[in-house]
Each structure stands twice: as C-alpha cells, then as structure tokens.
Amino acid sequence: EKPTVSLFGASTMSAVKLVPYQGEHQLQGIIDLISVDLSEPYSIFTYRYFINQWPQLCFVALAPCAAEGGAAGEAPGGEEVVGVIVCKQDVHRSGRTRGYIAMLAVHHSMRKRGMGSRLVSSAVLAMRQGGCDEAVLETEATNIGEPPRCDPTHRPLSGTCPGRVRDMSETCRRYAYSALF
C-alpha cells in the first residue's frame, strides 16, 4: 500500500514555504511523497546517502495541513511535505564539478503551479554557489510531464539521446538533460 498525503489548507502557492532540508523530522514526509510516483523503491539508506552528505542541495516545500492529526508527510508545526528536490555534487570523470538532481517530486494536488521550477531553481542556485560547473537531471521516458526545455536562467538544456539501461525489473528508456553554468 502506497502512502498518501492529505489535502492541504493552502489553496494558493503563497501559503507554501520552500525551505532547505532541516533534519530527520522531515525524512518520512520526503520518503512518502517520493514513493508515490517512484518507478523503483529506494531504501532509507539511499535517502540518507544523499541528504546527509549534501543537505545544502536538498529543499522541501511545506504547506499548512487542512486539519490536525498525524497525516503522512506531516512535519512539526502542522505542515506537510508537498514538494522535494534531493541532489548531490561531485567531480565527474570529465573533471567538471557536476550537480546531479537525484529525486524531484511534487504532490499531485500542487502540480502545474510552478513548484517544480521553484525547487529546481533553488537547487541549481545552491549548486552554483557550491562550485558546480553543470547540473544534470535524468528522467524516465514515461514521465507524464513535459521534459525541461531550459534551466532557471532560460538557457537551453542539451538533451542526450535516450539510452537503454537495465532497471531492477525491466529495461526502460531514460533521458538525461544537462545545463552548463
């Protein structure tokens, strides 16, 4: 059974706060949100690998809860995780410092409102400030949303040809998008 996130009291994006990852108390909300649409399950260790090593590259969107009472994704203070981006930074074999967007999720009730763009903009800015030369995002070819056409500064992204990679259960196609800074 997949976790669900309750509806929010916030009807507008103005009530949503975008904050850097603040600690372990947000982790279950992040896991619940990401696992709803995930094609392959991640263990708690995968989340902790990214979040504990690069907390400055992880951002969470929080919205006020509609009602009190321990809903999945609820953070202290009556807020629920409605968006998240989890990233890392390392030196690529090309020698460039690369930022990698590992996970990006927006609750279905908050989509088409620019939240994904806000999350990506925050992460890319943090990557630049951390010394990254480029940022990379992979998405599955079955992703329903529109693939990104440009980075937050409106520079075109270069899409690589879809390659076939071995998944846990099946072969799937993935697209990679990158932006040079």
N, C-alpha and C. Protein backbone atom coordinates (compact mmCIF):
# COMPACT_ATOMS: atom_id res chain seq x y z
N GLU A 1 0.85 -1.18 0.00
CA GLU A 1 0.00 0.00 0.00
C GLU A 1 0.89 1.24 0.00
N LYS A 2 0.63 2.11 -0.94
CA LYS A 2 1.43 3.33 -1.06
C LYS A 2 0.92 4.37 -0.08
N PRO A 3 1.82 5.14 0.51
CA PRO A 3 1.40 6.20 1.44
C PRO A 3 0.65 7.29 0.69
N THR A 4 -0.23 7.97 1.39
CA THR A 4 -0.95 9.09 0.80
C THR A 4 -0.65 10.34 1.59
N VAL A 5 -0.80 11.45 0.96
CA VAL A 5 -0.61 12.74 1.61
C VAL A 5 -1.97 13.40 1.62
N SER A 6 -2.39 13.91 2.77
CA SER A 6 -3.72 14.51 2.87
C SER A 6 -3.80 15.82 2.12
N LEU A 7 -5.02 16.32 1.94
CA LEU A 7 -5.21 17.61 1.29
C LEU A 7 -4.77 18.72 2.23
N PHE A 8 -4.47 19.86 1.69
CA PHE A 8 -3.88 20.93 2.46
C PHE A 8 -4.87 22.07 2.64
N GLY A 9 -4.66 22.84 3.68
CA GLY A 9 -5.47 24.02 3.90
C GLY A 9 -5.11 25.12 2.93
N ALA A 10 -3.95 25.03 2.34
CA ALA A 10 -3.48 26.08 1.44
C ALA A 10 -4.09 25.89 0.05
N SER A 11 -4.80 26.89 -0.43
CA SER A 11 -5.35 26.81 -1.78
C SER A 11 -4.49 27.57 -2.77
N THR A 12 -3.52 28.32 -2.29
CA THR A 12 -2.64 29.06 -3.19
C THR A 12 -1.18 28.72 -2.88
N MET A 13 -0.35 28.99 -3.86
CA MET A 13 1.08 28.73 -3.67
C MET A 13 1.70 29.66 -2.64
N SER A 14 1.05 30.79 -2.35
CA SER A 14 1.64 31.74 -1.40
C SER A 14 1.73 31.16 0.01
N ALA A 15 0.92 30.17 0.31
CA ALA A 15 0.95 29.55 1.63
C ALA A 15 2.03 28.47 1.73
N VAL A 16 2.66 28.13 0.62
CA VAL A 16 3.68 27.10 0.59
C VAL A 16 5.04 27.73 0.87
N LYS A 17 5.78 27.12 1.81
CA LYS A 17 7.14 27.58 2.14
C LYS A 17 8.15 26.64 1.51
N LEU A 18 9.17 27.20 0.90
CA LEU A 18 10.27 26.43 0.36
C LEU A 18 11.45 26.64 1.29
N VAL A 19 11.92 25.54 1.91
CA VAL A 19 12.99 25.64 2.91
C VAL A 19 14.08 24.61 2.61
N PRO A 20 15.31 24.91 3.00
CA PRO A 20 16.35 23.88 2.92
C PRO A 20 16.00 22.74 3.87
N TYR A 21 16.49 21.56 3.56
CA TYR A 21 16.27 20.40 4.43
C TYR A 21 16.72 20.75 5.84
N GLN A 22 15.86 20.46 6.82
CA GLN A 22 16.12 20.89 8.19
C GLN A 22 16.46 19.76 9.15
N GLY A 23 16.25 18.52 8.76
CA GLY A 23 16.62 17.44 9.66
C GLY A 23 15.75 16.21 9.51
N GLU A 24 16.10 15.24 10.31
CA GLU A 24 15.49 13.91 10.27
C GLU A 24 13.96 13.95 10.40
N HIS A 25 13.41 14.95 11.08
CA HIS A 25 11.96 15.03 11.25
C HIS A 25 11.23 15.22 9.92
N GLN A 26 11.92 15.62 8.87
CA GLN A 26 11.30 15.79 7.55
C GLN A 26 11.45 14.55 6.67
N LEU A 27 12.27 13.61 7.08
CA LEU A 27 12.63 12.49 6.21
C LEU A 27 11.43 11.63 5.83
N GLN A 28 10.56 11.29 6.77
CA GLN A 28 9.43 10.41 6.43
C GLN A 28 8.49 11.09 5.44
N GLY A 29 8.27 12.38 5.59
CA GLY A 29 7.44 13.11 4.63
C GLY A 29 8.04 13.10 3.23
N ILE A 30 9.36 13.21 3.15
CA ILE A 30 10.07 13.16 1.88
C ILE A 30 9.91 11.78 1.25
N ILE A 31 10.13 10.75 2.04
CA ILE A 31 10.01 9.38 1.54
C ILE A 31 8.59 9.11 1.06
N ASP A 32 7.60 9.51 1.85
CA ASP A 32 6.20 9.29 1.48
C ASP A 32 5.86 9.95 0.15
N LEU A 33 6.30 11.18 -0.03
CA LEU A 33 5.99 11.91 -1.26
C LEU A 33 6.69 11.29 -2.46
N ILE A 34 7.95 11.00 -2.34
CA ILE A 34 8.71 10.45 -3.47
C ILE A 34 8.22 9.06 -3.84
N SER A 35 7.87 8.25 -2.87
CA SER A 35 7.49 6.86 -3.16
C SER A 35 6.14 6.74 -3.87
N VAL A 36 5.31 7.77 -3.84
CA VAL A 36 4.01 7.71 -4.51
C VAL A 36 4.17 7.47 -6.02
N ASP A 37 5.10 8.17 -6.66
CA ASP A 37 5.25 8.10 -8.11
C ASP A 37 6.54 7.43 -8.56
N LEU A 38 7.25 6.83 -7.63
CA LEU A 38 8.55 6.26 -7.94
C LEU A 38 8.42 4.96 -8.73
N SER A 39 9.28 4.78 -9.73
CA SER A 39 9.25 3.56 -10.54
C SER A 39 10.00 2.41 -9.88
N GLU A 40 10.92 2.74 -8.99
CA GLU A 40 11.67 1.71 -8.28
C GLU A 40 11.85 2.17 -6.84
N PRO A 41 11.71 1.27 -5.89
CA PRO A 41 11.79 1.69 -4.49
C PRO A 41 13.22 1.99 -4.06
N TYR A 42 13.35 2.98 -3.19
CA TYR A 42 14.64 3.31 -2.58
C TYR A 42 14.59 2.89 -1.12
N SER A 43 15.73 2.46 -0.61
CA SER A 43 15.80 2.15 0.81
C SER A 43 16.06 3.44 1.58
N ILE A 44 15.85 3.40 2.86
CA ILE A 44 16.12 4.54 3.74
C ILE A 44 17.58 4.97 3.62
N PHE A 45 18.45 4.02 3.35
CA PHE A 45 19.89 4.31 3.24
C PHE A 45 20.19 5.16 2.01
N THR A 46 19.44 4.97 0.93
CA THR A 46 19.63 5.79 -0.28
C THR A 46 19.27 7.24 0.01
N TYR A 47 18.12 7.45 0.67
CA TYR A 47 17.73 8.82 1.04
C TYR A 47 18.79 9.46 1.93
N ARG A 48 19.23 8.71 2.93
CA ARG A 48 20.21 9.26 3.87
C ARG A 48 21.56 9.53 3.20
N TYR A 49 21.92 8.70 2.23
CA TYR A 49 23.17 8.92 1.49
C TYR A 49 23.17 10.32 0.89
N PHE A 50 22.13 10.67 0.17
CA PHE A 50 22.07 11.99 -0.48
C PHE A 50 21.87 13.11 0.54
N ILE A 51 20.89 12.96 1.41
CA ILE A 51 20.51 14.05 2.31
C ILE A 51 21.58 14.35 3.35
N ASN A 52 22.22 13.33 3.89
CA ASN A 52 23.23 13.57 4.92
C ASN A 52 24.54 14.11 4.35
N GLN A 53 24.87 13.74 3.10
CA GLN A 53 26.13 14.22 2.52
C GLN A 53 25.99 15.59 1.87
N TRP A 54 24.79 15.90 1.34
CA TRP A 54 24.58 17.17 0.64
C TRP A 54 23.29 17.84 1.11
N PRO A 55 23.13 18.10 2.41
CA PRO A 55 21.89 18.73 2.89
C PRO A 55 21.66 20.11 2.28
N GLN A 56 22.74 20.79 1.91
CA GLN A 56 22.62 22.13 1.31
C GLN A 56 22.02 22.07 -0.10
N LEU A 57 21.91 20.87 -0.68
CA LEU A 57 21.34 20.70 -2.02
C LEU A 57 19.97 20.03 -1.98
N CYS A 58 19.37 19.99 -0.81
CA CYS A 58 18.05 19.37 -0.66
C CYS A 58 17.07 20.44 -0.16
N PHE A 59 15.95 20.57 -0.85
CA PHE A 59 14.95 21.58 -0.49
C PHE A 59 13.58 20.92 -0.38
N VAL A 60 12.78 21.45 0.55
CA VAL A 60 11.47 20.88 0.86
C VAL A 60 10.43 21.99 0.76
N ALA A 61 9.31 21.71 0.10
CA ALA A 61 8.17 22.63 0.06
C ALA A 61 7.16 22.15 1.09
N LEU A 62 6.76 23.05 1.97
CA LEU A 62 5.83 22.72 3.05
C LEU A 62 4.56 23.54 2.92
N ALA A 63 3.42 22.88 3.11
CA ALA A 63 2.12 23.56 3.09
C ALA A 63 1.40 23.28 4.40
N PRO A 64 0.60 24.24 4.88
CA PRO A 64 -0.16 24.00 6.11
C PRO A 64 -1.13 22.84 5.95
N CYS A 65 -1.29 22.04 7.00
CA CYS A 65 -2.24 20.93 6.99
C CYS A 65 -3.66 21.49 7.04
N ALA A 66 -4.60 20.77 6.40
CA ALA A 66 -6.00 21.17 6.44
C ALA A 66 -6.59 20.93 7.82
N ALA A 67 -6.15 19.87 8.45
CA ALA A 67 -6.67 19.53 9.77
C ALA A 67 -5.55 18.94 10.61
N GLU A 68 -5.73 18.96 11.91
CA GLU A 68 -4.74 18.38 12.81
C GLU A 68 -4.81 16.87 12.73
N GLY A 69 -3.70 16.23 13.08
CA GLY A 69 -3.75 14.79 13.24
C GLY A 69 -2.90 13.98 12.31
N GLY A 70 -1.64 13.88 12.57
CA GLY A 70 -0.69 12.93 12.05
C GLY A 70 -0.85 12.36 10.66
N ALA A 71 -1.16 13.13 9.66
CA ALA A 71 -1.24 12.61 8.30
C ALA A 71 0.16 12.27 7.81
N ALA A 72 0.23 11.37 6.83
CA ALA A 72 1.53 11.04 6.25
C ALA A 72 2.14 12.30 5.67
N GLY A 73 3.42 12.51 5.89
CA GLY A 73 4.10 13.67 5.35
C GLY A 73 4.02 14.90 6.24
N GLU A 74 3.35 14.79 7.38
CA GLU A 74 3.19 15.96 8.24
C GLU A 74 4.47 16.23 9.00
N ALA A 75 4.87 17.47 8.98
CA ALA A 75 6.06 17.89 9.71
C ALA A 75 5.61 18.63 10.97
N PRO A 76 6.48 18.76 11.95
CA PRO A 76 6.11 19.50 13.16
C PRO A 76 5.62 20.90 12.80
N GLY A 77 4.61 21.38 13.52
CA GLY A 77 4.07 22.70 13.23
C GLY A 77 2.87 22.64 12.31
N GLY A 78 2.34 21.45 12.07
CA GLY A 78 1.17 21.33 11.23
C GLY A 78 1.41 21.58 9.76
N GLU A 79 2.56 21.18 9.25
CA GLU A 79 2.88 21.35 7.84
C GLU A 79 3.14 20.00 7.20
N GLU A 80 2.82 19.92 5.91
CA GLU A 80 3.04 18.69 5.16
C GLU A 80 4.03 18.94 4.03
N VAL A 81 4.82 17.92 3.72
CA VAL A 81 5.76 17.98 2.61
C VAL A 81 4.95 17.83 1.32
N VAL A 82 5.00 18.86 0.46
CA VAL A 82 4.26 18.83 -0.80
C VAL A 82 5.18 18.91 -2.02
N GLY A 83 6.47 19.06 -1.76
CA GLY A 83 7.45 19.07 -2.84
C GLY A 83 8.83 18.86 -2.26
N VAL A 84 9.70 18.24 -3.03
CA VAL A 84 11.05 17.99 -2.55
C VAL A 84 12.00 17.82 -3.74
N ILE A 85 13.22 18.28 -3.55
CA ILE A 85 14.30 18.01 -4.50
C ILE A 85 15.50 17.56 -3.69
N VAL A 86 16.12 16.47 -4.13
CA VAL A 86 17.27 15.88 -3.45
C VAL A 86 18.38 15.78 -4.48
N CYS A 87 19.54 16.37 -4.17
CA CYS A 87 20.63 16.46 -5.14
C CYS A 87 21.96 16.06 -4.52
N LYS A 88 22.96 15.93 -5.39
CA LYS A 88 24.33 15.72 -4.92
C LYS A 88 25.28 16.50 -5.80
N GLN A 89 26.52 16.55 -5.37
CA GLN A 89 27.56 17.25 -6.10
C GLN A 89 28.83 16.43 -6.02
N ASP A 90 29.48 16.23 -7.16
CA ASP A 90 30.76 15.55 -7.16
C ASP A 90 31.53 15.90 -8.43
N VAL A 91 32.76 15.43 -8.49
CA VAL A 91 33.59 15.67 -9.66
C VAL A 91 33.33 14.52 -10.63
N HIS A 92 32.89 14.86 -11.83
CA HIS A 92 32.60 13.89 -12.87
C HIS A 92 33.90 13.43 -13.52
N ARG A 93 33.86 12.32 -14.21
CA ARG A 93 35.08 11.80 -14.86
C ARG A 93 35.64 12.78 -15.90
N SER A 94 34.79 13.72 -16.36
CA SER A 94 35.24 14.75 -17.30
C SER A 94 36.10 15.81 -16.61
N GLY A 95 36.11 15.79 -15.26
CA GLY A 95 36.85 16.78 -14.49
C GLY A 95 36.01 17.96 -14.05
N ARG A 96 34.79 18.05 -14.56
CA ARG A 96 33.89 19.14 -14.18
C ARG A 96 33.19 18.79 -12.87
N THR A 97 32.92 19.81 -12.07
CA THR A 97 32.13 19.61 -10.85
C THR A 97 30.67 19.60 -11.27
N ARG A 98 30.01 18.49 -11.02
CA ARG A 98 28.66 18.26 -11.52
C ARG A 98 27.66 18.19 -10.38
N GLY A 99 26.57 18.91 -10.56
CA GLY A 99 25.42 18.76 -9.68
C GLY A 99 24.46 17.77 -10.31
N TYR A 100 23.91 16.90 -9.52
CA TYR A 100 23.02 15.85 -10.03
C TYR A 100 21.70 15.90 -9.27
N ILE A 101 20.60 16.06 -9.97
CA ILE A 101 19.28 16.04 -9.36
C ILE A 101 18.85 14.58 -9.29
N ALA A 102 18.89 14.03 -8.08
CA ALA A 102 18.61 12.61 -7.89
C ALA A 102 17.11 12.33 -7.77
N MET A 103 16.39 13.21 -7.08
CA MET A 103 14.97 13.00 -6.84
C MET A 103 14.26 14.34 -6.88
N LEU A 104 13.14 14.38 -7.56
CA LEU A 104 12.29 15.57 -7.62
C LEU A 104 10.86 15.09 -7.61
N ALA A 105 10.08 15.57 -6.65
CA ALA A 105 8.67 15.15 -6.55
C ALA A 105 7.83 16.32 -6.09
N VAL A 106 6.63 16.42 -6.67
CA VAL A 106 5.64 17.42 -6.29
C VAL A 106 4.31 16.68 -6.11
N HIS A 107 3.64 16.93 -5.00
CA HIS A 107 2.35 16.30 -4.74
C HIS A 107 1.39 16.61 -5.88
N HIS A 108 0.58 15.63 -6.28
CA HIS A 108 -0.29 15.80 -7.45
C HIS A 108 -1.22 17.00 -7.34
N SER A 109 -1.64 17.36 -6.14
CA SER A 109 -2.56 18.48 -5.98
C SER A 109 -1.87 19.83 -6.14
N MET A 110 -0.55 19.83 -6.17
CA MET A 110 0.22 21.08 -6.25
C MET A 110 0.95 21.22 -7.60
N ARG A 111 0.70 20.31 -8.52
CA ARG A 111 1.38 20.37 -9.81
C ARG A 111 0.78 21.45 -10.71
N LYS A 112 1.54 21.82 -11.71
CA LYS A 112 1.15 22.85 -12.69
C LYS A 112 1.02 24.22 -12.06
N ARG A 113 1.75 24.46 -10.97
CA ARG A 113 1.75 25.75 -10.28
C ARG A 113 3.15 26.34 -10.16
N GLY A 114 4.11 25.72 -10.82
CA GLY A 114 5.47 26.23 -10.79
C GLY A 114 6.31 25.76 -9.62
N MET A 115 5.79 24.83 -8.82
CA MET A 115 6.55 24.38 -7.65
C MET A 115 7.81 23.62 -8.07
N GLY A 116 7.71 22.75 -9.07
CA GLY A 116 8.88 22.03 -9.53
C GLY A 116 9.97 22.98 -10.00
N SER A 117 9.57 24.03 -10.71
CA SER A 117 10.53 25.04 -11.17
C SER A 117 11.18 25.76 -10.00
N ARG A 118 10.39 26.07 -8.97
CA ARG A 118 10.95 26.74 -7.79
C ARG A 118 11.96 25.84 -7.09
N LEU A 119 11.65 24.56 -6.98
CA LEU A 119 12.57 23.62 -6.35
C LEU A 119 13.86 23.49 -7.16
N VAL A 120 13.73 23.35 -8.48
CA VAL A 120 14.92 23.22 -9.33
C VAL A 120 15.75 24.51 -9.28
N SER A 121 15.10 25.67 -9.33
CA SER A 121 15.83 26.94 -9.26
C SER A 121 16.64 27.05 -7.98
N SER A 122 16.03 26.66 -6.85
CA SER A 122 16.73 26.71 -5.57
C SER A 122 17.94 25.78 -5.56
N ALA A 123 17.75 24.57 -6.08
CA ALA A 123 18.84 23.60 -6.09
C ALA A 123 19.96 24.03 -7.03
N VAL A 124 19.61 24.52 -8.22
CA VAL A 124 20.64 24.95 -9.17
C VAL A 124 21.43 26.14 -8.62
N LEU A 125 20.75 27.07 -7.98
CA LEU A 125 21.46 28.20 -7.35
C LEU A 125 22.43 27.70 -6.28
N ALA A 126 21.99 26.75 -5.45
CA ALA A 126 22.87 26.19 -4.42
C ALA A 126 24.04 25.43 -5.06
N MET A 127 23.78 24.75 -6.19
CA MET A 127 24.87 24.07 -6.89
C MET A 127 25.91 25.07 -7.39
N ARG A 128 25.43 26.16 -7.99
CA ARG A 128 26.35 27.19 -8.48
C ARG A 128 27.17 27.77 -7.33
N GLN A 129 26.49 28.08 -6.24
CA GLN A 129 27.19 28.64 -5.08
C GLN A 129 28.18 27.65 -4.50
N GLY A 130 27.93 26.36 -4.68
CA GLY A 130 28.84 25.32 -4.19
C GLY A 130 29.96 24.98 -5.16
N GLY A 131 30.01 25.68 -6.29
CA GLY A 131 31.11 25.48 -7.22
C GLY A 131 30.84 24.54 -8.38
N CYS A 132 29.59 24.16 -8.61
CA CYS A 132 29.29 23.27 -9.73
C CYS A 132 29.46 23.99 -11.06
N ASP A 133 29.95 23.24 -12.04
CA ASP A 133 30.10 23.74 -13.41
C ASP A 133 28.88 23.40 -14.25
N GLU A 134 28.13 22.37 -13.85
CA GLU A 134 26.98 21.93 -14.61
C GLU A 134 26.00 21.21 -13.68
N ALA A 135 24.77 21.05 -14.18
CA ALA A 135 23.75 20.31 -13.45
C ALA A 135 23.14 19.29 -14.40
N VAL A 136 22.80 18.14 -13.87
CA VAL A 136 22.24 17.05 -14.68
C VAL A 136 20.97 16.55 -14.03
N LEU A 137 19.99 16.27 -14.88
CA LEU A 137 18.72 15.69 -14.46
C LEU A 137 18.41 14.54 -15.39
N GLU A 138 18.10 13.38 -14.85
CA GLU A 138 17.64 12.25 -15.64
C GLU A 138 16.15 12.09 -15.40
N THR A 139 15.42 11.75 -16.43
CA THR A 139 14.00 11.47 -16.26
C THR A 139 13.64 10.26 -17.11
N GLU A 140 12.70 9.49 -16.65
CA GLU A 140 12.26 8.34 -17.41
C GLU A 140 11.45 8.81 -18.61
N ALA A 141 11.54 8.06 -19.70
CA ALA A 141 10.81 8.42 -20.90
C ALA A 141 9.31 8.36 -20.68
N THR A 142 8.87 7.63 -19.66
CA THR A 142 7.44 7.52 -19.38
C THR A 142 6.93 8.64 -18.49
N ASN A 143 7.80 9.59 -18.11
CA ASN A 143 7.38 10.72 -17.28
C ASN A 143 6.28 11.47 -18.01
N ILE A 144 5.14 11.65 -17.35
CA ILE A 144 3.97 12.28 -17.98
C ILE A 144 4.21 13.75 -18.24
N GLY A 145 4.94 14.41 -17.36
CA GLY A 145 5.17 15.84 -17.51
C GLY A 145 6.07 16.16 -18.69
N GLU A 146 6.13 17.40 -19.03
CA GLU A 146 6.95 17.90 -20.10
C GLU A 146 8.41 17.89 -19.66
N PRO A 147 9.33 17.37 -20.47
CA PRO A 147 10.74 17.43 -20.08
C PRO A 147 11.21 18.88 -20.06
N PRO A 148 12.19 19.19 -19.24
CA PRO A 148 12.64 20.58 -19.15
C PRO A 148 13.25 21.04 -20.47
N ARG A 149 12.95 22.26 -20.85
CA ARG A 149 13.50 22.84 -22.08
C ARG A 149 14.63 23.81 -21.77
N CYS A 150 14.64 24.37 -20.58
CA CYS A 150 15.70 25.31 -20.23
C CYS A 150 15.90 25.30 -18.73
N ASP A 151 17.07 25.78 -18.31
CA ASP A 151 17.36 25.88 -16.88
C ASP A 151 16.70 27.14 -16.33
N PRO A 152 16.79 27.38 -15.01
CA PRO A 152 16.12 28.54 -14.42
C PRO A 152 16.56 29.89 -14.98
N THR A 153 17.71 29.95 -15.63
CA THR A 153 18.13 31.21 -16.24
C THR A 153 17.75 31.24 -17.72
N HIS A 154 16.94 30.28 -18.15
CA HIS A 154 16.40 30.19 -19.51
C HIS A 154 17.46 29.85 -20.55
N ARG A 155 18.53 29.22 -20.12
CA ARG A 155 19.50 28.70 -21.08
C ARG A 155 18.98 27.35 -21.56
N PRO A 156 19.11 27.03 -22.84
CA PRO A 156 18.63 25.73 -23.32
C PRO A 156 19.38 24.58 -22.66
N LEU A 157 18.67 23.51 -22.39
CA LEU A 157 19.29 22.30 -21.88
C LEU A 157 19.58 21.39 -23.06
N SER A 158 20.68 20.68 -22.98
CA SER A 158 21.00 19.74 -24.05
C SER A 158 20.49 18.37 -23.65
N GLY A 159 19.61 17.84 -24.43
CA GLY A 159 19.06 16.51 -24.16
C GLY A 159 19.89 15.47 -24.86
N THR A 160 20.26 14.43 -24.16
CA THR A 160 21.02 13.37 -24.80
C THR A 160 20.03 12.39 -25.40
N CYS A 161 20.51 11.63 -26.34
CA CYS A 161 19.63 10.63 -26.94
C CYS A 161 19.25 9.61 -25.87
N PRO A 162 17.99 9.15 -25.91
CA PRO A 162 17.60 8.17 -24.90
C PRO A 162 18.43 6.89 -25.06
N GLY A 163 18.92 6.42 -23.96
CA GLY A 163 19.67 5.18 -23.96
C GLY A 163 18.89 4.11 -23.23
N ARG A 164 19.24 2.88 -23.41
CA ARG A 164 18.54 1.81 -22.71
C ARG A 164 19.41 1.38 -21.54
N VAL A 165 18.82 1.38 -20.36
CA VAL A 165 19.54 0.98 -19.16
C VAL A 165 18.77 -0.13 -18.47
N ARG A 166 19.48 -0.95 -17.74
CA ARG A 166 18.86 -2.08 -17.07
C ARG A 166 18.29 -1.63 -15.75
N ASP A 167 17.01 -1.82 -15.56
CA ASP A 167 16.29 -1.48 -14.34
C ASP A 167 16.24 -2.74 -13.48
N MET A 168 15.70 -2.64 -12.26
CA MET A 168 15.58 -3.81 -11.39
C MET A 168 14.68 -4.87 -12.02
N SER A 169 13.61 -4.46 -12.70
CA SER A 169 12.66 -5.44 -13.19
C SER A 169 12.51 -5.43 -14.70
N GLU A 170 12.86 -4.35 -15.36
CA GLU A 170 12.66 -4.28 -16.79
C GLU A 170 13.62 -3.27 -17.39
N THR A 171 13.70 -3.29 -18.71
CA THR A 171 14.52 -2.30 -19.40
C THR A 171 13.65 -1.08 -19.65
N CYS A 172 14.16 0.08 -19.36
CA CYS A 172 13.40 1.30 -19.59
C CYS A 172 14.30 2.32 -20.26
N ARG A 173 13.69 3.32 -20.86
CA ARG A 173 14.45 4.37 -21.51
C ARG A 173 14.51 5.56 -20.57
N ARG A 174 15.65 6.22 -20.54
CA ARG A 174 15.82 7.42 -19.72
C ARG A 174 16.42 8.52 -20.57
N TYR A 175 16.04 9.73 -20.28
CA TYR A 175 16.63 10.90 -20.92
C TYR A 175 17.47 11.63 -19.89
N ALA A 176 18.57 12.17 -20.31
CA ALA A 176 19.40 13.00 -19.44
C ALA A 176 19.44 14.41 -20.00
N TYR A 177 19.27 15.40 -19.14
CA TYR A 177 19.33 16.79 -19.52
C TYR A 177 20.44 17.44 -18.70
N SER A 178 21.22 18.28 -19.33
CA SER A 178 22.28 18.94 -18.59
C SER A 178 22.33 20.41 -18.96
N ALA A 179 22.80 21.21 -18.03
CA ALA A 179 22.98 22.64 -18.25
C ALA A 179 24.36 23.03 -17.79
N LEU A 180 25.08 23.74 -18.63
CA LEU A 180 26.39 24.27 -18.26
C LEU A 180 26.19 25.65 -17.66
N PHE A 181 26.96 25.96 -16.65
CA PHE A 181 26.84 27.27 -15.98
C PHE A 181 27.84 28.24 -16.56
